[in-house]
C-alpha atoms as a PDB file:
ATOM      1  CA  MET A   1      69.141 132.394  -6.818  1.00  0.00           C
ATOM      2  CA  TRP A   2      66.019 130.344  -7.589  1.00  0.00           C
ATOM      3  CA  GLN A   3      63.561 130.831 -10.432  1.00  0.00           C
ATOM      4  CA  ARG A   4      60.160 129.174 -10.902  1.00  0.00           C
ATOM      5  CA  ARG A   5      59.650 128.298 -14.551  1.00  0.00           C
ATOM      6  CA  HIS A   6      57.092 126.383 -16.546  1.00  0.00           C
ATOM      7  CA  PRO A   7      58.659 123.412 -18.441  1.00  0.00           C
ATOM      8  CA  LEU A   8      57.953 125.170 -21.741  1.00  0.00           C
ATOM      9  CA  GLU A   9      60.062 128.096 -20.516  1.00  0.00           C
ATOM     10  CA  VAL A  10      63.098 125.925 -19.786  1.00  0.00           C
ATOM     11  CA  ASP A  11      65.793 125.234 -22.367  1.00  0.00           C
ATOM     12  CA  ARG A  12      64.991 121.600 -23.216  1.00  0.00           C
ATOM     13  CA  ASP A  13      68.439 120.984 -24.715  1.00  0.00           C
ATOM     14  CA  ALA A  14      70.070 122.125 -21.465  1.00  0.00           C
ATOM     15  CA  TRP A  15      67.724 119.914 -19.428  1.00  0.00           C
ATOM     16  CA  LEU A  16      68.540 116.865 -21.579  1.00  0.00           C
ATOM     17  CA  HIS A  17      72.232 117.694 -21.221  1.00  0.00           C
ATOM     18  CA  TRP A  18      71.838 117.615 -17.444  1.00  0.00           C
ATOM     19  CA  LEU A  19      70.045 114.292 -17.703  1.00  0.00           C
ATOM     20  CA  ASP A  20      73.036 113.001 -19.668  1.00  0.00           C
ATOM     21  CA  GLN A  21      75.130 113.592 -16.547  1.00  0.00           C
ATOM     22  CA  ARG A  22      73.030 111.053 -14.631  1.00  0.00           C
ATOM     23  CA  PRO A  23      73.682 107.337 -15.213  1.00  0.00           C
ATOM     24  CA  HIS A  24      70.521 105.670 -16.533  1.00  0.00           C
ATOM     25  CA  ALA A  25      68.349 108.761 -16.104  1.00  0.00           C
ATOM     26  CA  SER A  26      64.662 107.891 -15.804  1.00  0.00           C
ATOM     27  CA  PRO A  27      62.393 108.909 -18.712  1.00  0.00           C
ATOM     28  CA  TYR A  28      60.015 110.142 -15.995  1.00  0.00           C
ATOM     29  CA  LEU A  29      62.406 113.106 -15.647  1.00  0.00           C
ATOM     30  CA  LEU A  30      61.626 114.348 -19.166  1.00  0.00           C
ATOM     31  CA  PRO A  31      59.820 117.726 -19.158  1.00  0.00           C
ATOM     32  CA  GLU A  32      56.825 116.156 -20.909  1.00  0.00           C
ATOM     33  CA  TRP A  33      56.022 114.017 -17.852  1.00  0.00           C
ATOM     34  CA  SER A  34      55.363 117.213 -15.883  1.00  0.00           C
ATOM     35  CA  LEU A  35      53.263 118.596 -18.721  1.00  0.00           C
ATOM     36  CA  PHE A  36      51.183 115.415 -18.797  1.00  0.00           C
ATOM     37  CA  TRP A  37      50.106 115.803 -15.159  1.00  0.00           C
ATOM     38  CA  GLU A  38      49.349 119.463 -15.699  1.00  0.00           C
ATOM     39  CA  ARG A  39      46.933 118.482 -18.469  1.00  0.00           C
ATOM     40  CA  VAL A  40      45.102 115.679 -16.646  1.00  0.00           C
ATOM     41  CA  TRP A  41      44.910 116.986 -13.061  1.00  0.00           C
ATOM     42  CA  PRO A  42      42.555 119.828 -12.159  1.00  0.00           C
ATOM     43  CA  ALA A  43      44.256 122.942 -10.789  1.00  0.00           C
ATOM     44  CA  ALA A  44      47.735 121.479 -11.395  1.00  0.00           C
ATOM     45  CA  ARG A  45      50.746 123.386 -12.673  1.00  0.00           C
ATOM     46  CA  ALA A  46      54.031 121.880 -13.807  1.00  0.00           C
ATOM     47  CA  GLU A  47      57.063 123.769 -12.563  1.00  0.00           C
ATOM     48  CA  PHE A  48      60.822 123.554 -12.769  1.00  0.00           C
ATOM     49  CA  TRP A  49      62.661 125.215  -9.911  1.00  0.00           C
ATOM     50  CA  ILE A  50      65.848 126.425 -11.602  1.00  0.00           C
ATOM     51  CA  GLY A  51      69.007 127.359  -9.733  1.00  0.00           C
ATOM     52  CA  ALA A  52      71.023 130.091 -11.422  1.00  0.00           C
ATOM     53  CA  GLY A  53      74.589 131.188 -10.766  1.00  0.00           C
ATOM     54  CA  GLN A  54      76.053 134.553 -11.607  1.00  0.00           C
ATOM     55  CA  THR A  55      76.615 133.679 -15.262  1.00  0.00           C
ATOM     56  CA  SER A  56      74.695 130.452 -16.047  1.00  0.00           C
ATOM     57  CA  LEU A  57      71.995 128.025 -14.974  1.00  0.00           C
ATOM     58  CA  LEU A  58      73.178 125.302 -12.591  1.00  0.00           C
ATOM     59  CA  GLY A  59      70.253 122.884 -12.735  1.00  0.00           C
ATOM     60  CA  GLY A  60      66.805 122.428 -11.348  1.00  0.00           C
ATOM     61  CA  VAL A  61      64.105 120.321  -9.739  1.00  0.00           C
ATOM     62  CA  PRO A  62      60.892 119.194 -11.530  1.00  0.00           C
ATOM     63  CA  VAL A  63      57.736 119.425  -9.419  1.00  0.00           C
ATOM     64  CA  VAL A  64      53.967 119.546  -9.817  1.00  0.00           C
ATOM     65  CA  ARG A  65      52.021 122.155  -7.865  1.00  0.00           C
ATOM     66  CA  ARG A  66      48.412 121.252  -7.155  1.00  0.00           C
ATOM     67  CA  ARG A  67      45.631 122.862  -5.163  1.00  0.00           C
ATOM     68  CA  ARG A  68      43.883 120.600  -2.674  1.00  0.00           C
ATOM     69  CA  TRP A  69      41.532 121.373   0.232  1.00  0.00           C
ATOM     70  CA  GLY A  70      42.197 125.070  -0.365  1.00  0.00           C
ATOM     71  CA  LEU A  71      45.944 124.507   0.075  1.00  0.00           C
ATOM     72  CA  GLU A  72      48.847 124.137  -2.351  1.00  0.00           C
ATOM     73  CA  TRP A  73      50.647 120.823  -2.574  1.00  0.00           C
ATOM     74  CA  VAL A  74      54.073 120.630  -4.217  1.00  0.00           C
ATOM     75  CA  PHE A  75      55.544 117.203  -4.867  1.00  0.00           C
ATOM     76  CA  SER A  76      57.798 115.261  -7.196  1.00  0.00           C
ATOM     77  CA  GLN A  77      56.209 113.682 -10.237  1.00  0.00           C
ATOM     78  CA  PRO A  78      54.056 110.557  -9.713  1.00  0.00           C
ATOM     79  CA  PHE A  79      55.077 107.008 -10.638  1.00  0.00           C
ATOM     80  CA  GLY A  80      58.661 107.925 -11.427  1.00  0.00           C
ATOM     81  CA  THR A  81      62.043 108.266  -9.806  1.00  0.00           C
ATOM     82  CA  PRO A  82      61.861 111.033  -7.175  1.00  0.00           C
ATOM     83  CA  GLY A  83      62.809 114.318  -8.788  1.00  0.00           C
ATOM     84  CA  GLY A  84      65.736 115.504  -6.741  1.00  0.00           C
ATOM     85  CA  TRP A  85      68.428 117.733  -8.183  1.00  0.00           C
ATOM     86  CA  ILE A  86      69.165 117.572 -11.907  1.00  0.00           C
ATOM     87  CA  GLY A  87      72.030 119.707 -13.110  1.00  0.00           C
ATOM     88  CA  GLN A  88      75.740 120.303 -13.072  1.00  0.00           C
ATOM     89  CA  PRO A  89      77.664 117.786 -10.921  1.00  0.00           C
ATOM     90  CA  GLY A  90      78.612 119.204  -7.547  1.00  0.00           C
ATOM     91  CA  ALA A  91      76.040 121.982  -7.676  1.00  0.00           C
ATOM     92  CA  ASN A  92      74.105 120.788  -4.602  1.00  0.00           C
ATOM     93  CA  PRO A  93      71.250 123.145  -3.679  1.00  0.00           C
ATOM     94  CA  GLY A  94      71.081 121.936  -0.062  1.00  0.00           C
ATOM     95  CA  ASP A  95      68.749 123.740   2.308  1.00  0.00           C
ATOM     96  CA  ASP A  96      68.479 126.678  -0.095  1.00  0.00           C
ATOM     97  CA  PHE A  97      66.197 124.548  -2.230  1.00  0.00           C
ATOM     98  CA  LEU A  98      63.802 123.757   0.618  1.00  0.00           C
ATOM     99  CA  CYS A  99      63.698 127.356   1.798  1.00  0.00           C
ATOM    100  CA  ALA A 100      62.974 128.606  -1.709  1.00  0.00           C
ATOM    101  CA  ILE A 101      60.329 126.062  -2.650  1.00  0.00           C
ATOM    102  CA  ALA A 102      58.556 126.114   0.726  1.00  0.00           C
ATOM    103  CA  SER A 103      56.284 129.094   0.302  1.00  0.00           C
ATOM    104  CA  PRO A 104      53.813 129.729   3.148  1.00  0.00           C
ATOM    105  CA  ARG A 105      51.141 127.688   1.336  1.00  0.00           C
ATOM    106  CA  THR A 106      53.366 124.778   0.300  1.00  0.00           C
ATOM    107  CA  VAL A 107      52.492 121.717   2.317  1.00  0.00           C
ATOM    108  CA  GLU A 108      54.320 118.651   1.001  1.00  0.00           C
ATOM    109  CA  ILE A 109      57.228 117.601  -1.220  1.00  0.00           C
ATOM    110  CA  ALA A 110      59.140 114.392  -1.923  1.00  0.00           C
ATOM    111  CA  VAL A 111      62.872 114.308  -2.677  1.00  0.00           C
ATOM    112  CA  SER A 112      65.443 111.622  -3.277  1.00  0.00           C
ATOM    113  CA  SER A 113      66.584 109.941  -0.080  1.00  0.00           C
ATOM    114  CA  SER A 114      70.159 110.086  -1.354  1.00  0.00           C
ATOM    115  CA  ALA A 115      70.049 113.883  -1.529  1.00  0.00           C
ATOM    116  CA  ASN A 116      70.947 114.159   2.179  1.00  0.00           C
ATOM    117  CA  TRP A 117      69.114 117.452   2.620  1.00  0.00           C
ATOM    118  CA  GLN A 118      68.246 118.569   6.142  1.00  0.00           C
ATOM    119  CA  PRO A 119      64.708 119.967   6.382  1.00  0.00           C
ATOM    120  CA  PRO A 120      63.925 123.015   8.516  1.00  0.00           C
ATOM    121  CA  THR A 121      62.643 122.337  12.022  1.00  0.00           C
ATOM    122  CA  HIS A 122      58.990 122.952  11.040  1.00  0.00           C
ATOM    123  CA  TRP A 123      59.053 120.064   8.533  1.00  0.00           C
ATOM    124  CA  PHE A 124      58.045 116.476   9.209  1.00  0.00           C
ATOM    125  CA  ARG A 125      60.369 113.920   7.585  1.00  0.00           C
ATOM    126  CA  GLU A 126      59.306 110.409   6.512  1.00  0.00           C
ATOM    127  CA  THR A 127      61.149 107.826   4.394  1.00  0.00           C
ATOM    128  CA  ILE A 128      58.944 105.935   1.928  1.00  0.00           C
ATOM    129  CA  THR A 129      60.265 102.613   0.630  1.00  0.00           C
ATOM    130  CA  SER A 130      59.123 101.061  -2.635  1.00  0.00           C
ATOM    131  CA  SER A 131      60.436  98.537  -5.123  1.00  0.00           C
ATOM    132  CA  THR A 132      60.638  98.134  -8.852  1.00  0.00           C
ATOM    133  CA  TRP A 133      61.426  95.198 -11.123  1.00  0.00           C
ATOM    134  CA  LEU A 134      64.478  95.895 -13.242  1.00  0.00           C
ATOM    135  CA  LEU A 135      65.871  93.942 -16.182  1.00  0.00           C
ATOM    136  CA  ASP A 136      69.443  95.074 -16.819  1.00  0.00           C
ATOM    137  CA  LEU A 137      71.013  93.587 -19.949  1.00  0.00           C
ATOM    138  CA  GLY A 138      74.404  95.120 -19.320  1.00  0.00           C
ATOM    139  CA  GLU A 139      76.560  94.515 -22.385  1.00  0.00           C
ATOM    140  CA  ALA A 140      74.400  91.681 -23.744  1.00  0.00           C
ATOM    141  CA  VAL A 141      73.595  91.870 -27.433  1.00  0.00           C
ATOM    142  CA  SER A 142      69.988  92.444 -28.428  1.00  0.00           C
ATOM    143  CA  SER A 143      69.489  88.864 -29.611  1.00  0.00           C
ATOM    144  CA  ASP A 144      70.081  87.584 -26.060  1.00  0.00           C
ATOM    145  CA  ILE A 145      67.124  89.337 -24.451  1.00  0.00           C
ATOM    146  CA  LEU A 146      64.766  86.334 -24.612  1.00  0.00           C
ATOM    147  CA  ASN A 147      67.371  83.718 -23.642  1.00  0.00           C
ATOM    148  CA  ASN A 148      66.654  83.755 -19.897  1.00  0.00           C
ATOM    149  CA  LEU A 149      62.887  83.402 -19.963  1.00  0.00           C
ATOM    150  CA  SER A 150      61.039  81.076 -17.629  1.00  0.00           C
ATOM    151  CA  GLY A 151      59.457  77.947 -19.135  1.00  0.00           C
ATOM    152  CA  SER A 152      55.920  79.269 -18.612  1.00  0.00           C
ATOM    153  CA  HIS A 153      56.768  82.486 -20.459  1.00  0.00           C
ATOM    154  CA  ARG A 154      58.133  80.525 -23.421  1.00  0.00           C
ATOM    155  CA  ARG A 155      54.971  78.425 -23.592  1.00  0.00           C
ATOM    156  CA  ASN A 156      52.754  81.492 -23.412  1.00  0.00           C
ATOM    157  CA  ILE A 157      54.715  83.269 -26.154  1.00  0.00           C
ATOM    158  CA  GLU A 158      54.234  80.221 -28.371  1.00  0.00           C
ATOM    159  CA  LYS A 159      50.481  80.227 -27.636  1.00  0.00           C
ATOM    160  CA  GLY A 160      50.248  83.904 -28.521  1.00  0.00           C
ATOM    161  CA  SER A 161      52.225  83.505 -31.742  1.00  0.00           C
ATOM    162  CA  ARG A 162      49.945  80.654 -32.896  1.00  0.00           C
ATOM    163  CA  LEU A 163      46.994  83.059 -32.701  1.00  0.00           C
ATOM    164  CA  ARG A 164      48.758  85.171 -35.331  1.00  0.00           C
ATOM    165  CA  SER A 165      48.248  88.360 -33.370  1.00  0.00           C
ATOM    166  CA  ASP A 166      48.940  91.565 -35.281  1.00  0.00           C
ATOM    167  CA  ILE A 167      51.248  93.886 -33.316  1.00  0.00           C
ATOM    168  CA  GLY A 168      51.407  97.566 -34.192  1.00  0.00           C
ATOM    169  CA  GLU A 169      52.090 100.972 -32.644  1.00  0.00           C
ATOM    170  CA  LEU A 170      49.772 103.838 -31.758  1.00  0.00           C
ATOM    171  CA  ASN A 171      50.995 107.315 -32.686  1.00  0.00           C
ATOM    172  CA  THR A 172      47.999 109.656 -32.585  1.00  0.00           C
ATOM    173  CA  PRO A 173      45.247 110.524 -30.077  1.00  0.00           C
ATOM    174  CA  ASP A 174      42.614 109.246 -32.519  1.00  0.00           C
ATOM    175  CA  GLU A 175      44.339 105.846 -32.712  1.00  0.00           C
ATOM    176  CA  VAL A 176      44.400 105.660 -28.920  1.00  0.00           C
ATOM    177  CA  SER A 177      40.715 106.579 -28.641  1.00  0.00           C
ATOM    178  CA  ALA A 178      39.792 103.893 -31.179  1.00  0.00           C
ATOM    179  CA  MET A 179      41.846 101.313 -29.249  1.00  0.00           C
ATOM    180  CA  GLN A 180      40.127 102.199 -25.972  1.00  0.00           C
ATOM    181  CA  THR A 181      36.668 101.478 -27.365  1.00  0.00           C
ATOM    182  CA  ASP A 182      37.742  97.939 -28.309  1.00  0.00           C
ATOM    183  CA  PHE A 183      38.208  96.889 -24.682  1.00  0.00           C
ATOM    184  CA  PRO A 184      35.185  95.898 -22.565  1.00  0.00           C
ATOM    185  CA  SER A 185      33.995  98.493 -20.066  1.00  0.00           C
ATOM    186  CA  SER A 186      34.751  96.113 -17.175  1.00  0.00           C
ATOM    187  CA  LEU A 187      38.485  96.728 -17.712  1.00  0.00           C
ATOM    188  CA  ARG A 188      38.325 100.500 -17.534  1.00  0.00           C
ATOM    189  CA  GLN A 189      38.766 100.597 -13.762  1.00  0.00           C
ATOM    190  CA  SER A 190      41.818  98.325 -13.843  1.00  0.00           C
ATOM    191  CA  SER A 191      44.026 100.726 -15.784  1.00  0.00           C
ATOM    192  CA  ARG A 192      45.122 104.116 -14.541  1.00  0.00           C
ATOM    193  CA  LEU A 193      46.090 105.464 -17.958  1.00  0.00           C
ATOM    194  CA  VAL A 194      45.816 103.434 -21.152  1.00  0.00           C
ATOM    195  CA  LEU A 195      42.052 102.816 -20.942  1.00  0.00           C
ATOM    196  CA  ASP A 196      41.219 106.220 -19.477  1.00  0.00           C
ATOM    197  CA  PRO A 197      39.446 108.025 -22.350  1.00  0.00           C
ATOM    198  CA  ARG A 198      41.093 111.302 -21.369  1.00  0.00           C
ATOM    199  CA  LYS A 199      44.590 110.443 -20.155  1.00  0.00           C
ATOM    200  CA  GLY A 200      45.612 108.079 -22.944  1.00  0.00           C
ATOM    201  CA  PRO A 201      45.095 110.524 -25.844  1.00  0.00           C
ATOM    202  CA  VAL A 202      46.777 113.317 -23.866  1.00  0.00           C
ATOM    203  CA  CYS A 203      49.817 111.133 -23.179  1.00  0.00           C
ATOM    204  CA  VAL A 204      50.344 110.259 -26.837  1.00  0.00           C
ATOM    205  CA  ALA A 205      49.760 113.872 -27.921  1.00  0.00           C
ATOM    206  CA  ILE A 206      52.443 115.165 -25.542  1.00  0.00           C
ATOM    207  CA  PHE A 207      55.104 112.476 -25.950  1.00  0.00           C
ATOM    208  CA  THR A 208      54.870 111.369 -29.593  1.00  0.00           C
ATOM    209  CA  PRO A 209      56.576 114.527 -30.975  1.00  0.00           C
ATOM    210  CA  THR A 210      59.613 113.865 -28.761  1.00  0.00           C
ATOM    211  CA  GLY A 211      60.009 110.235 -29.837  1.00  0.00           C
ATOM    212  CA  ALA A 212      60.108 109.087 -26.191  1.00  0.00           C
ATOM    213  CA  LEU A 213      56.785 107.209 -26.200  1.00  0.00           C
ATOM    214  CA  ARG A 214      56.392 103.633 -27.465  1.00  0.00           C
ATOM    215  CA  TRP A 215      52.786 102.418 -27.385  1.00  0.00           C
ATOM    216  CA  TRP A 216      52.132  98.913 -28.725  1.00  0.00           C
ATOM    217  CA  VAL A 217      48.859  97.095 -29.239  1.00  0.00           C
ATOM    218  CA  ALA A 218      48.177  93.453 -30.168  1.00  0.00           C
ATOM    219  CA  ARG A 219      45.062  92.590 -32.179  1.00  0.00           C
ATOM    220  CA  VAL A 220      43.546  89.201 -32.959  1.00  0.00           C
ATOM    221  CA  ASN A 221      41.099  89.152 -35.883  1.00  0.00           C
ATOM    222  CA  GLY A 222      41.006  92.947 -35.719  1.00  0.00           C
ATOM    223  CA  ARG A 223      40.117  93.124 -32.019  1.00  0.00           C
ATOM    224  CA  CYS A 224      42.438  94.761 -29.473  1.00  0.00           C
ATOM    225  CA  VAL A 225      43.552  92.103 -27.008  1.00  0.00           C
ATOM    226  CA  ALA A 226      46.587  93.632 -25.235  1.00  0.00           C
ATOM    227  CA  THR A 227      48.352  96.974 -25.071  1.00  0.00           C
ATOM    228  CA  SER A 228      51.477  98.289 -23.340  1.00  0.00           C
ATOM    229  CA  VAL A 229      52.984 101.778 -22.972  1.00  0.00           C
ATOM    230  CA  TRP A 230      56.664 102.555 -22.304  1.00  0.00           C
ATOM    231  CA  LEU A 231      58.756 105.714 -22.076  1.00  0.00           C
ATOM    232  CA  VAL A 232      62.315 105.621 -23.405  1.00  0.00           C
ATOM    233  CA  LEU A 233      65.337 107.804 -22.692  1.00  0.00           C
ATOM    234  CA  LYS A 234      68.622 106.664 -24.247  1.00  0.00           C
ATOM    235  CA  ASP A 235      69.345 103.189 -22.813  1.00  0.00           C
ATOM    236  CA  THR A 236      66.477 103.112 -20.282  1.00  0.00           C
ATOM    237  CA  ALA A 237      62.806 102.224 -20.757  1.00  0.00           C
ATOM    238  CA  VAL A 238      60.140 102.401 -18.045  1.00  0.00           C
ATOM    239  CA  TYR A 239      56.745 100.731 -18.093  1.00  0.00           C
ATOM    240  CA  VAL A 240      53.943 103.285 -17.788  1.00  0.00           C
ATOM    241  CA  ASP A 241      50.784 101.196 -18.077  1.00  0.00           C
ATOM    242  CA  GLY A 242      49.103  98.360 -19.948  1.00  0.00           C
ATOM    243  CA  ALA A 243      45.985  96.209 -20.201  1.00  0.00           C
ATOM    244  CA  SER A 244      45.014  92.803 -21.577  1.00  0.00           C
ATOM    245  CA  LEU A 245      41.817  90.785 -21.956  1.00  0.00           C
ATOM    246  CA  ARG A 246      41.387  88.002 -19.380  1.00  0.00           C
ATOM    247  CA  ASP A 247      40.037  85.428 -21.801  1.00  0.00           C
ATOM    248  CA  ASP A 248      41.409  81.901 -22.206  1.00  0.00           C
ATOM    249  CA  LYS A 249      41.023  82.013 -25.972  1.00  0.00           C
ATOM    250  CA  TYR A 250      43.541  84.902 -26.045  1.00  0.00           C
ATOM    251  CA  SER A 251      45.980  83.227 -23.671  1.00  0.00           C
ATOM    252  CA  GLY A 252      49.572  84.149 -24.449  1.00  0.00           C
ATOM    253  CA  VAL A 253      48.897  87.247 -26.553  1.00  0.00           C
ATOM    254  CA  ASN A 254      50.112  89.595 -23.803  1.00  0.00           C
ATOM    255  CA  HIS A 255      53.332  87.548 -23.477  1.00  0.00           C
ATOM    256  CA  HIS A 256      53.761  87.631 -27.253  1.00  0.00           C
ATOM    257  CA  LEU A 257      53.330  91.420 -27.177  1.00  0.00           C
ATOM    258  CA  PHE A 258      55.934  91.831 -24.421  1.00  0.00           C
ATOM    259  CA  ALA A 259      58.401  89.604 -26.259  1.00  0.00           C
ATOM    260  CA  HIS A 260      57.971  91.783 -29.355  1.00  0.00           C
ATOM    261  CA  LEU A 261      58.406  95.091 -27.555  1.00  0.00           C
ATOM    262  CA  LEU A 262      61.384  93.984 -25.465  1.00  0.00           C
ATOM    263  CA  THR A 263      63.144  92.759 -28.594  1.00  0.00           C
ATOM    264  CA  ALA A 264      62.303  95.939 -30.522  1.00  0.00           C
ATOM    265  CA  LEU A 265      63.537  98.223 -27.735  1.00  0.00           C
ATOM    266  CA  SER A 266      66.666  96.135 -27.296  1.00  0.00           C
ATOM    267  CA  HIS A 267      67.474  96.497 -31.007  1.00  0.00           C
ATOM    268  CA  ALA A 268      66.981 100.263 -30.534  1.00  0.00           C
ATOM    269  CA  GLY A 269      69.718 100.358 -27.876  1.00  0.00           C
ATOM    270  CA  VAL A 270      67.737  99.967 -24.648  1.00  0.00           C
ATOM    271  CA  ARG A 271      69.618  97.997 -21.984  1.00  0.00           C
ATOM    272  CA  ARG A 272      67.577  98.685 -18.832  1.00  0.00           C
ATOM    273  CA  PHE A 273      63.876  97.826 -18.589  1.00  0.00           C
ATOM    274  CA  ASP A 274      62.000  99.103 -15.545  1.00  0.00           C
ATOM    275  CA  PHE A 275      58.793  97.069 -15.163  1.00  0.00           C
ATOM    276  CA  GLY A 276      57.515  99.117 -12.212  1.00  0.00           C
ATOM    277  CA  GLY A 277      56.625  97.900  -8.738  1.00  0.00           C
ATOM    278  CA  GLY A 278      54.747  98.955  -5.656  1.00  0.00           C
ATOM    279  CA  PRO A 279      54.973 100.646  -2.244  1.00  0.00           C
ATOM    280  CA  GLY A 280      56.774  98.907   0.563  1.00  0.00           C
ATOM    281  CA  GLY A 281      58.225  96.345  -1.836  1.00  0.00           C
ATOM    282  CA  VAL A 282      54.800  94.679  -2.188  1.00  0.00           C
ATOM    283  CA  THR A 283      53.377  93.661  -5.567  1.00  0.00           C
ATOM    284  CA  LYS A 284      50.673  91.178  -6.445  1.00  0.00           C
ATOM    285  CA  PRO A 285      52.145  87.652  -6.659  1.00  0.00           C
ATOM    286  CA  GLY A 286      50.927  87.162 -10.229  1.00  0.00           C
ATOM    287  CA  LEU A 287      52.510  90.424 -11.390  1.00  0.00           C
ATOM    288  CA  SER A 288      55.749  89.593  -9.601  1.00  0.00           C
ATOM    289  CA  ARG A 289      55.943  86.209 -11.355  1.00  0.00           C
ATOM    290  CA  PHE A 290      55.200  87.870 -14.690  1.00  0.00           C
ATOM    291  CA  LYS A 291      58.034  90.376 -14.284  1.00  0.00           C
ATOM    292  CA  GLU A 292      60.467  87.857 -12.853  1.00  0.00           C
ATOM    293  CA  GLY A 293      59.747  85.519 -15.768  1.00  0.00           C
ATOM    294  CA  TRP A 294      61.396  88.015 -18.142  1.00  0.00           C
ATOM    295  CA  GLY A 295      64.562  87.995 -16.060  1.00  0.00           C
ATOM    296  CA  ALA A 296      63.766  91.136 -14.030  1.00  0.00           C
ATOM    297  CA  ARG A 297      64.873  91.411 -10.388  1.00  0.00           C
ATOM    298  CA  ALA A 298      63.343  93.395  -7.539  1.00  0.00           C
ATOM    299  CA  VAL A 299      65.278  96.575  -6.698  1.00  0.00           C
ATOM    300  CA  GLU A 300      64.478  98.672  -3.636  1.00  0.00           C
ATOM    301  CA  ARG A 301      63.964 102.413  -3.924  1.00  0.00           C
ATOM    302  CA  SER A 302      63.231 105.059  -1.353  1.00  0.00           C
ATOM    303  CA  GLU A 303      62.254 108.697  -1.187  1.00  0.00           C
ATOM    304  CA  THR A 304      61.998 111.195   1.635  1.00  0.00           C
ATOM    305  CA  ARG A 305      58.643 112.882   2.027  1.00  0.00           C
ATOM    306  CA  LEU A 306      58.732 116.273   3.716  1.00  0.00           C
ATOM    307  CA  ARG A 307      55.612 117.924   5.104  1.00  0.00           C
ATOM    308  CA  ARG A 308      54.861 120.869   7.290  1.00  0.00           C
ATOM    309  CA  PHE A 309      54.049 119.602  10.762  1.00  0.00           C
ATOM    310  CA  TRP A 310      50.502 120.959  10.852  1.00  0.00           C
ATOM    311  CA  TYR A 311      49.713 119.522   7.415  1.00  0.00           C
ATOM    312  CA  ASP A 312      50.947 116.091   8.505  1.00  0.00           C
ATOM    313  CA  ARG A 313      48.427 116.210  11.353  1.00  0.00           C
ATOM    314  CA  LEU A 314      45.711 117.205   8.856  1.00  0.00           C
ATOM    315  CA  ARG A 315      46.524 114.205   6.652  1.00  0.00           C
ATOM    316  CA  CYS A 316      46.075 111.926   9.684  1.00  0.00           C
ATOM    317  CA  LEU A 317      42.498 113.172   9.884  1.00  0.00           C
ATOM    318  CA  ARG A 318      41.852 113.251   6.109  1.00  0.00           C
ATOM    319  CA  PRO A 319      44.347 110.854   4.448  1.00  0.00           C
END
């Protein structure tokens, strides 16, 4: 039996317990990530599809339902690990999940490629490949995190430290709003979240009470020069967004900020740092060198996108 529930209606302790069953569960699977998209997207609703047995809940699937072109679009949460099944081991929903979630108006959904679910005949199936840059410390002690840096990263960290940048954390929407006004308007289009005057404050308002959000900012002479946002769940941290001034006189401050945050998270028990990536394994060369310089390595990921056949044809006309 399947139940559609809002994240606030789901037992959060039970959901976190299910996440504990997954090795290195992504912080993007926290209920608050669904709530964030509900707040910042028009006509969006966060939903957990919960599978229930005769006596207890078995698990569920986090999705976001959004209206578009007069239709309803259901999909796994953006920028994170594909949702897939989260729950008791061995409780595989199989085709029952697709049949339940595919209401007559549902047009698209993405699931984990490893789920091995067979879509109904009226669904179009497509595998989407992407990559991320992952730094896995394994059993290394926290003091070792900066030992494998590239020479250019070391030089940049030294440059940033000589500027005596002040590094602090943002914990309230007002602090985020004040930080955003310190960056020039020309940078606002280069950041999908941290410099967006609406999304940034909403993100900190939703995640700060849970302790999962770490938002750092580096200032030089009182001016914001670099900022970086990460989500943390147990031993895993994922990069959400960041921004830095492209000015030679502030060269190295962003590297100094990253060195600080990686060390701080490592001391807090984080062992896996997900720097993010791009579709098809493609990232900008400069970004790839930046991530690789910290010791991160490219890791391929894939998801299976399922659409109704007629909606797939519509997307060909209006992508």
